[in-house]
Structures are given as C-alpha cells and as structure tokens.
Amino acid sequence: MSNIESLTIEKLKDFARDNAVNQITVKGKYENIYLLIKIKYSQYITLIYKSKNLSNNNDDNVSNMKFEKVGFYNSKDDNLYDLTFYVYWDFCIDREEVESTPTTKNVCDSVIKAIEDKARSIIDDSFKTKKLSKENIETLEEYKKYYLKNAVRDEFFAETQKVTINDRFITPDKNFSVVDYITLETEEEKEKFILQKAKEHIQKNKNEIVLLLKKIDLLNEKLKAIYEDKNHIFHTRKAIIQAVKDKKTVNVTILKNGQTFTFKTETGALRRGQYNEYYSDLDIQAKDRQKYKELFGYKDYTADEILKITYGKKEIYNKEKFGQQ
C-alpha cells in the first residue's frame, strides 16, 4: 500500500478527465484507503463516487462495497461541482479549497438572477398601457385601500426618491436544468438561454407584471406628493428620528391643548417614529409622566405637537426650523 498516493483536487480532476481509467485507489487521512469510481452520466458530465474505508489487506469484496457520491465533473468547463464534505473529511484536502469549487446551487442562483435582470431590462412602457385582469383590478383596489399608505411611508423613511421595477420584481421559478446550462458550448449560447427563459418568465407572469407596474406608479405618485409637501408630517417625524437616533434620553417641549410642557423622556418611541403616529407617555420619566397625566390625561402626544428637543444644553430639534407651524 505504500505506493498509493494521497488525493488532491487536481488528481481528482485528472481521474475524471481520463477516459481510460474508471477506478483508482487513493490514500486518505490516517492511512485509510479508498476506492474512487466514476460513471459517465452524459457527454460532458461524469459522476464520481468513493468507497468506504478499505481494509489494509485490500481483500474486500468490491461487488458488495457501498459507495458515496463525491461530486461530478463537467468536461465542458473543466470544473468539479458539488464536492461533498467527504473530500476534506476523508482526505488531506483543505476545506476552503473544496468549498471554493462551483456548486449547482450557486450556478442556479446566478442564472435565476440573470434571467430576472434580463426580464426587467426588456419590459418597456407599453406594459403600463395593458389592461388588468378582472382579478387584478380587485387586487389593485385592495392595495390602494390597505397597503399603499404603509408602502409609501416605508419608501419615504428609507429615503427612496423613486421606485423602479429594478427595486421590485417577480423572481423567476427554476424551470431549467443547471447541467444543461453549464454544458452549453459558448457564452453566446448561455446568453440566448437566459434571454429565452426571461421571455418565458414575462409571458407566464405578464398579468402580474402589469399589476406591479401600476402599483409602482401609485407609489411614486404618492411619494412625489410627500416630497413636494414640506409640511407633511412625515418630514417632521423623520427630522425627529434623525435628531434622537443616537440619544438614550432627551428633553422634549410640547404644545398640546394650548399648554406648553417640558419633560424628560427615553427616545424609544421617538426613534420609532416611522411607524408611530403617536408617542406614548410610557417613555417619559416617572415624575414628569405624573405631571403629563395631570395636564393631558391619557392622550399620547404627536410629532407636530413637539416644539423642540434638547440633549443636555444643546437644542437638537426645533419645529420652526422645519417649517412646521
């Protein structure tokens, strides 16, 4: 057994390339011995398997051996794919070297992304003029009624100026064989493959794409109106968030029901102003909260009632500076 060599990635690839050899014996960790065999799956794809550890006298009955898949070889791009943990677990091969080899999952993910990108690129304004199906007319009405307001809010606070189809799209299903893709002859063939799948994706989802474009138009219409209206409450709430984002406690002065009141508060509710239309008094310091309740009862305060916010002696927000009268 002393003449049996240890396995390397390159030796594994050489074995897969060699059409004259169907099995080899290799040394693993701790002087273990393994038999590698290969099966031709297609013109370009060769499957590779390894036996369990052989005894040192090598008198195992090969016909009764159990084999485990190691991965496969693609002669078209001369790469090993989907190498299993056995390659570094049983052999003296670096784990990072094994994990740097391609996998069908990674290829699949990249192809799906390429199909999605290509589909987006060939959708033009003509889709916006297409009529919605009866079902999607109802879906759009539900979107306007239940979801549009929050969608616009989230985009504004994320500082999105305009939503495009690049931001929102329908992810393609996997309706292709990765092996078919990786064994294509040229880059031109791969580009044609991507284009064809993109066209199929658009055709399959054309009604949903029209609906998506109409949702985006609604979003942008509302978003534009908010940006142009400097007195919109979202501007105030965003300014407050920015002012207190790295502060734990601040002093807040409000004008509520004609009464001015200053109190110390934790900033949790203020920092969540994207979602909170009202700020709870629960964050207010205990002694100030008691006074707050005496003045205003159990009513929460709002962003437009805040006159100023100070941190220590420094003023970090002032209502007048943001045009909120």
Protein backbone atom coordinates (compact mmCIF):
# COMPACT_ATOMS: atom_id res chain seq x y z
CA MET A 1 0.00 0.00 0.00
CA SER A 2 2.97 2.35 0.29
CA ASN A 3 2.80 3.27 -3.41
CA ILE A 4 -0.78 4.56 -3.15
CA GLU A 5 -0.85 8.35 -3.39
CA SER A 6 -2.85 10.86 -1.41
CA LEU A 7 -5.75 12.57 -3.16
CA THR A 8 -5.65 16.22 -4.26
CA ILE A 9 -8.21 18.30 -6.14
CA GLU A 10 -6.04 18.19 -9.26
CA LYS A 11 -5.67 14.40 -9.03
CA LEU A 12 -9.43 14.08 -8.65
CA LYS A 13 -9.86 16.20 -11.76
CA ASP A 14 -7.23 14.15 -13.65
CA PHE A 15 -9.12 10.98 -12.74
CA ALA A 16 -12.36 12.46 -14.05
CA ARG A 17 -10.67 13.57 -17.29
CA ASP A 18 -9.02 10.21 -18.02
CA ASN A 19 -11.34 8.20 -20.24
CA ALA A 20 -9.10 5.12 -19.98
CA VAL A 21 -9.40 4.76 -16.18
CA ASN A 22 -12.67 4.03 -14.36
CA GLN A 23 -11.38 3.49 -10.84
CA ILE A 24 -8.37 4.38 -8.69
CA THR A 25 -7.23 3.60 -5.16
CA VAL A 26 -6.18 6.60 -3.08
CA LYS A 27 -4.87 7.27 0.41
CA GLY A 28 -6.97 9.22 2.88
CA LYS A 29 -6.36 10.60 6.34
CA TYR A 30 -4.82 8.32 8.98
CA GLU A 31 -3.51 5.94 6.26
CA ASN A 32 -7.07 4.92 5.31
CA ILE A 33 -7.52 3.60 1.79
CA TYR A 34 -10.44 4.39 -0.53
CA LEU A 35 -11.57 3.31 -3.95
CA LEU A 36 -12.82 6.02 -6.32
CA ILE A 37 -15.05 5.12 -9.24
CA LYS A 38 -16.76 7.21 -11.88
CA ILE A 39 -19.87 6.88 -14.03
CA LYS A 40 -20.45 8.66 -17.31
CA TYR A 41 -23.74 10.50 -16.89
CA SER A 42 -23.79 12.32 -20.22
CA GLN A 43 -21.43 13.50 -22.93
CA TYR A 44 -19.87 16.10 -20.63
CA ILE A 45 -20.87 15.06 -17.09
CA THR A 46 -19.04 12.40 -15.07
CA LEU A 47 -20.27 11.36 -11.62
CA ILE A 48 -17.63 10.48 -9.02
CA TYR A 49 -18.08 8.18 -6.00
CA LYS A 50 -15.88 6.93 -3.17
CA SER A 51 -15.98 3.68 -1.24
CA LYS A 52 -15.96 3.40 2.50
CA ASN A 53 -12.53 2.79 4.05
CA LEU A 54 -10.91 -0.39 2.67
CA SER A 55 -9.09 -2.85 4.94
CA ASN A 56 -5.29 -2.72 4.76
CA ASN A 57 -5.02 -6.09 3.08
CA ASN A 58 -7.41 -4.83 0.42
CA ASP A 59 -9.33 -8.10 0.20
CA ASP A 60 -12.78 -6.52 0.40
CA ASN A 61 -15.36 -7.84 -1.97
CA VAL A 62 -15.79 -4.95 -4.41
CA SER A 63 -19.18 -6.20 -5.54
CA ASN A 64 -20.53 -5.65 -2.00
CA MET A 65 -18.99 -2.22 -1.47
CA LYS A 66 -21.12 0.76 -0.62
CA PHE A 67 -20.24 3.99 -2.41
CA GLU A 68 -20.94 7.60 -1.53
CA LYS A 69 -21.21 10.45 -4.01
CA VAL A 70 -18.23 12.81 -4.07
CA GLY A 71 -19.39 15.23 -6.77
CA PHE A 72 -19.32 15.47 -10.53
CA TYR A 73 -17.03 16.73 -13.28
CA ASN A 74 -18.05 18.89 -16.23
CA SER A 75 -15.64 18.49 -19.13
CA LYS A 76 -17.15 21.48 -20.91
CA ASP A 77 -15.67 23.97 -18.41
CA ASP A 78 -13.18 21.56 -16.79
CA ASN A 79 -14.65 22.04 -13.31
CA LEU A 80 -15.59 19.81 -10.42
CA TYR A 81 -19.04 20.54 -8.98
CA ASP A 82 -20.92 19.84 -5.75
CA LEU A 83 -17.95 18.34 -3.90
CA THR A 84 -19.23 16.87 -0.65
CA PHE A 85 -17.70 17.14 2.81
CA TYR A 86 -16.11 13.70 2.26
CA VAL A 87 -13.46 15.37 0.10
CA TYR A 88 -11.97 17.27 3.04
CA TRP A 89 -13.24 14.98 5.80
CA ASP A 90 -11.69 11.75 4.48
CA PHE A 91 -8.76 13.20 2.51
CA CYS A 92 -5.94 15.65 3.25
CA ILE A 93 -7.51 18.43 1.20
CA ASP A 94 -8.10 21.92 2.57
CA ARG A 95 -11.75 22.66 3.30
CA GLU A 96 -11.55 26.15 1.75
CA GLU A 97 -10.17 24.65 -1.46
CA VAL A 98 -13.13 22.27 -1.63
CA GLU A 99 -15.68 24.97 -0.84
CA SER A 100 -14.22 27.29 -3.49
CA THR A 101 -15.27 24.87 -6.25
CA PRO A 102 -18.57 25.59 -8.01
CA THR A 103 -21.91 24.22 -6.85
CA THR A 104 -25.08 23.74 -8.83
CA LYS A 105 -26.92 25.80 -6.21
CA ASN A 106 -24.66 28.82 -6.77
CA VAL A 107 -24.93 28.42 -10.52
CA CYS A 108 -28.71 28.10 -10.24
CA ASP A 109 -28.93 31.26 -8.12
CA SER A 110 -26.78 33.23 -10.56
CA VAL A 111 -28.81 32.02 -13.56
CA ILE A 112 -32.11 32.94 -11.89
CA LYS A 113 -30.72 36.40 -11.13
CA ALA A 114 -29.54 36.77 -14.74
CA ILE A 115 -33.00 35.75 -16.00
CA GLU A 116 -34.64 38.26 -13.66
CA ASP A 117 -32.25 41.05 -14.71
CA LYS A 118 -32.81 40.30 -18.39
CA ALA A 119 -36.60 40.17 -17.96
CA ARG A 120 -36.60 43.57 -16.23
CA SER A 121 -34.44 45.04 -18.98
CA ILE A 122 -36.86 44.12 -21.78
CA ILE A 123 -40.02 45.39 -20.08
CA ASP A 124 -40.95 48.77 -21.53
CA ASP A 125 -43.64 51.40 -21.02
CA SER A 126 -46.05 49.52 -23.28
CA PHE A 127 -46.78 47.23 -20.34
CA LYS A 128 -48.25 50.18 -18.42
CA THR A 129 -50.98 50.59 -21.04
CA LYS A 130 -52.06 46.95 -20.86
CA LYS A 131 -55.37 46.26 -19.12
CA LEU A 132 -55.52 44.47 -15.82
CA SER A 133 -57.39 41.20 -15.49
CA LYS A 134 -60.64 41.36 -13.51
CA GLU A 135 -58.93 39.62 -10.58
CA ASN A 136 -56.02 42.07 -10.57
CA ILE A 137 -58.35 45.09 -10.76
CA GLU A 138 -59.71 43.93 -7.41
CA THR A 139 -56.17 43.28 -6.13
CA LEU A 140 -55.12 46.82 -7.07
CA GLU A 141 -58.12 48.28 -5.25
CA GLU A 142 -57.22 46.28 -2.15
CA TYR A 143 -53.63 47.52 -2.44
CA LYS A 144 -54.84 51.14 -2.55
CA LYS A 145 -57.12 50.59 0.43
CA TYR A 146 -54.95 48.51 2.75
CA TYR A 147 -51.28 48.61 1.74
CA LEU A 148 -50.39 51.74 -0.25
CA LYS A 149 -50.18 54.09 2.72
CA ASN A 150 -47.66 51.95 4.60
CA ALA A 151 -45.70 51.19 1.42
CA VAL A 152 -45.31 54.91 0.72
CA ARG A 153 -44.30 55.53 4.34
CA ASP A 154 -41.62 52.85 4.23
CA GLU A 155 -40.15 54.17 0.98
CA PHE A 156 -40.09 57.73 2.28
CA PHE A 157 -38.33 56.83 5.51
CA ALA A 158 -35.89 54.70 3.53
CA GLU A 159 -35.18 57.92 1.59
CA THR A 160 -36.30 56.41 -1.71
CA GLN A 161 -36.88 59.18 -4.25
CA LYS A 162 -38.47 56.97 -6.90
CA VAL A 163 -39.39 53.29 -7.00
CA THR A 164 -38.48 51.42 -10.19
CA ILE A 165 -39.04 47.94 -11.49
CA ASN A 166 -35.43 47.26 -10.54
CA ASP A 167 -36.47 47.56 -6.88
CA ARG A 168 -39.45 45.23 -7.15
CA PHE A 169 -39.88 42.29 -9.45
CA ILE A 170 -41.19 38.75 -9.62
CA THR A 171 -38.44 36.21 -9.01
CA PRO A 172 -38.37 33.53 -11.72
CA ASP A 173 -39.02 29.91 -10.86
CA LYS A 174 -36.33 27.34 -11.51
CA ASN A 175 -37.64 25.77 -14.70
CA PHE A 176 -34.31 24.74 -16.20
CA SER A 177 -31.59 22.17 -15.76
CA VAL A 178 -28.34 23.53 -14.32
CA VAL A 179 -26.49 20.72 -16.11
CA ASP A 180 -27.99 21.84 -19.43
CA TYR A 181 -26.76 25.36 -18.74
CA ILE A 182 -23.19 24.56 -17.66
CA THR A 183 -22.66 22.29 -20.65
CA LEU A 184 -23.62 24.88 -23.25
CA GLU A 185 -20.87 25.40 -25.80
CA THR A 186 -20.32 29.17 -25.76
CA GLU A 187 -21.14 32.35 -23.85
CA GLU A 188 -23.39 33.33 -26.74
CA GLU A 189 -25.43 30.16 -26.20
CA LYS A 190 -25.70 30.95 -22.49
CA GLU A 191 -26.91 34.46 -23.28
CA LYS A 192 -29.54 33.03 -25.64
CA PHE A 193 -30.58 30.60 -22.91
CA ILE A 194 -31.01 33.48 -20.43
CA LEU A 195 -32.96 35.56 -22.96
CA GLN A 196 -35.33 32.69 -23.78
CA LYS A 197 -36.01 31.98 -20.12
CA ALA A 198 -36.57 35.71 -19.49
CA LYS A 199 -39.16 35.85 -22.27
CA GLU A 200 -40.86 32.76 -20.86
CA HIS A 201 -40.91 34.38 -17.42
CA ILE A 202 -42.53 37.55 -18.78
CA GLN A 203 -45.11 35.60 -20.76
CA LYS A 204 -46.01 33.47 -17.74
CA ASN A 205 -46.31 36.47 -15.41
CA LYS A 206 -47.48 39.23 -17.77
CA ASN A 207 -50.64 39.97 -15.76
CA GLU A 208 -48.70 40.20 -12.51
CA ILE A 209 -46.09 42.44 -14.15
CA VAL A 210 -48.79 44.85 -15.36
CA LEU A 211 -50.19 44.90 -11.82
CA LEU A 212 -46.72 45.53 -10.38
CA LEU A 213 -46.12 48.47 -12.72
CA LYS A 214 -49.44 50.04 -11.76
CA LYS A 215 -48.59 49.63 -8.06
CA ILE A 216 -45.23 51.31 -8.68
CA ASP A 217 -46.95 54.22 -10.45
CA LEU A 218 -49.28 54.69 -7.49
CA LEU A 219 -46.35 54.56 -5.07
CA ASN A 220 -44.38 57.14 -6.99
CA GLU A 221 -47.36 59.47 -7.32
CA LYS A 222 -47.89 59.48 -3.54
CA LEU A 223 -44.17 59.60 -2.79
CA LYS A 224 -43.64 62.61 -5.06
CA ALA A 225 -46.51 64.45 -3.38
CA ILE A 226 -44.99 63.91 0.07
CA TYR A 227 -41.55 65.12 -1.01
CA GLU A 228 -43.08 68.25 -2.52
CA ASP A 229 -45.22 68.96 0.56
CA LYS A 230 -42.65 70.15 3.11
CA ASN A 231 -45.41 70.48 5.72
CA HIS A 232 -46.27 66.77 5.53
CA ILE A 233 -45.97 65.14 8.94
CA PHE A 234 -43.52 62.54 7.59
CA HIS A 235 -40.87 65.26 7.25
CA THR A 236 -41.32 66.17 10.91
CA ARG A 237 -41.18 62.58 12.10
CA LYS A 238 -38.07 61.91 10.05
CA ALA A 239 -36.35 65.03 11.42
CA ILE A 240 -37.14 63.89 14.97
CA ILE A 241 -35.76 60.41 14.28
CA GLN A 242 -32.54 61.91 12.96
CA ALA A 243 -32.24 64.21 15.95
CA VAL A 244 -32.57 61.49 18.61
CA LYS A 245 -31.22 58.40 16.80
CA ASP A 246 -28.04 58.13 18.91
CA LYS A 247 -29.50 59.51 22.16
CA LYS A 248 -30.88 57.50 25.09
CA THR A 249 -32.79 60.30 26.85
CA VAL A 250 -33.72 63.83 25.80
CA ASN A 251 -35.84 66.75 26.99
CA VAL A 252 -38.95 67.38 24.92
CA THR A 253 -41.08 70.53 24.92
CA ILE A 254 -44.59 70.16 23.54
CA LEU A 255 -47.53 72.45 22.89
CA LYS A 256 -50.68 70.41 23.50
CA ASN A 257 -54.20 71.71 24.06
CA GLY A 258 -52.78 75.22 24.35
CA GLN A 259 -50.45 74.14 27.18
CA THR A 260 -46.65 74.14 26.93
CA PHE A 261 -44.89 71.39 28.87
CA THR A 262 -41.27 70.17 29.02
CA PHE A 263 -40.38 66.65 30.15
CA LYS A 264 -37.51 64.19 30.12
CA THR A 265 -38.09 61.02 28.12
CA GLU A 266 -36.33 57.98 26.77
CA THR A 267 -36.10 58.07 22.97
CA GLY A 268 -37.51 54.64 22.06
CA ALA A 269 -40.88 55.89 20.81
CA LEU A 270 -39.32 58.91 19.10
CA ARG A 271 -36.85 56.70 17.24
CA ARG A 272 -39.72 54.51 16.06
CA GLY A 273 -41.42 57.50 14.51
CA GLN A 274 -41.52 55.80 11.13
CA TYR A 275 -44.26 53.57 12.48
CA ASN A 276 -45.69 55.61 15.36
CA GLU A 277 -48.20 58.35 14.64
CA TYR A 278 -48.39 58.94 18.40
CA TYR A 279 -45.70 58.92 21.08
CA SER A 280 -46.64 57.11 24.29
CA ASP A 281 -46.12 58.74 27.67
CA LEU A 282 -44.69 55.44 28.98
CA ASP A 283 -41.17 56.57 27.97
CA ILE A 284 -41.48 59.79 29.99
CA GLN A 285 -39.56 59.96 33.27
CA ALA A 286 -41.83 58.98 36.18
CA LYS A 287 -42.16 62.39 37.89
CA ASP A 288 -42.71 64.14 34.55
CA ARG A 289 -45.17 61.47 33.46
CA GLN A 290 -47.33 62.18 36.52
CA LYS A 291 -47.43 65.87 35.63
CA TYR A 292 -48.13 64.99 31.97
CA LYS A 293 -51.20 62.96 33.03
CA GLU A 294 -52.45 65.80 35.20
CA LEU A 295 -52.27 68.15 32.20
CA PHE A 296 -53.32 65.90 29.33
CA GLY A 297 -54.78 62.74 30.81
CA TYR A 298 -54.01 59.56 28.89
CA LYS A 299 -53.73 61.14 25.45
CA ASP A 300 -50.43 60.49 23.65
CA TYR A 301 -48.56 63.36 22.03
CA THR A 302 -47.71 63.71 18.33
CA ALA A 303 -44.78 64.88 16.25
CA ASP A 304 -46.50 68.13 15.25
CA GLU A 305 -47.01 68.98 18.95
CA ILE A 306 -43.26 68.89 19.64
CA LEU A 307 -41.80 72.41 19.76
CA LYS A 308 -38.21 71.47 20.48
CA ILE A 309 -35.93 68.70 21.70
CA THR A 310 -32.75 69.28 23.69
CA TYR A 311 -29.91 66.98 24.67
CA GLY A 312 -28.11 68.39 27.69
CA LYS A 313 -27.92 72.10 26.93
CA LYS A 314 -27.87 71.59 23.16
CA GLU A 315 -31.00 72.04 21.07
CA ILE A 316 -31.14 69.20 18.55
CA TYR A 317 -34.59 69.81 17.07
CA ASN A 318 -36.73 72.90 16.65
CA LYS A 319 -40.12 72.82 14.97
CA GLU A 320 -39.79 76.25 13.40
CA LYS A 321 -36.61 75.23 11.57
CA PHE A 322 -38.58 72.58 9.67
CA GLY A 323 -41.41 74.89 8.70
CA GLN A 324 -43.98 73.13 10.86
CA GLN A 325 -46.31 75.86 12.21
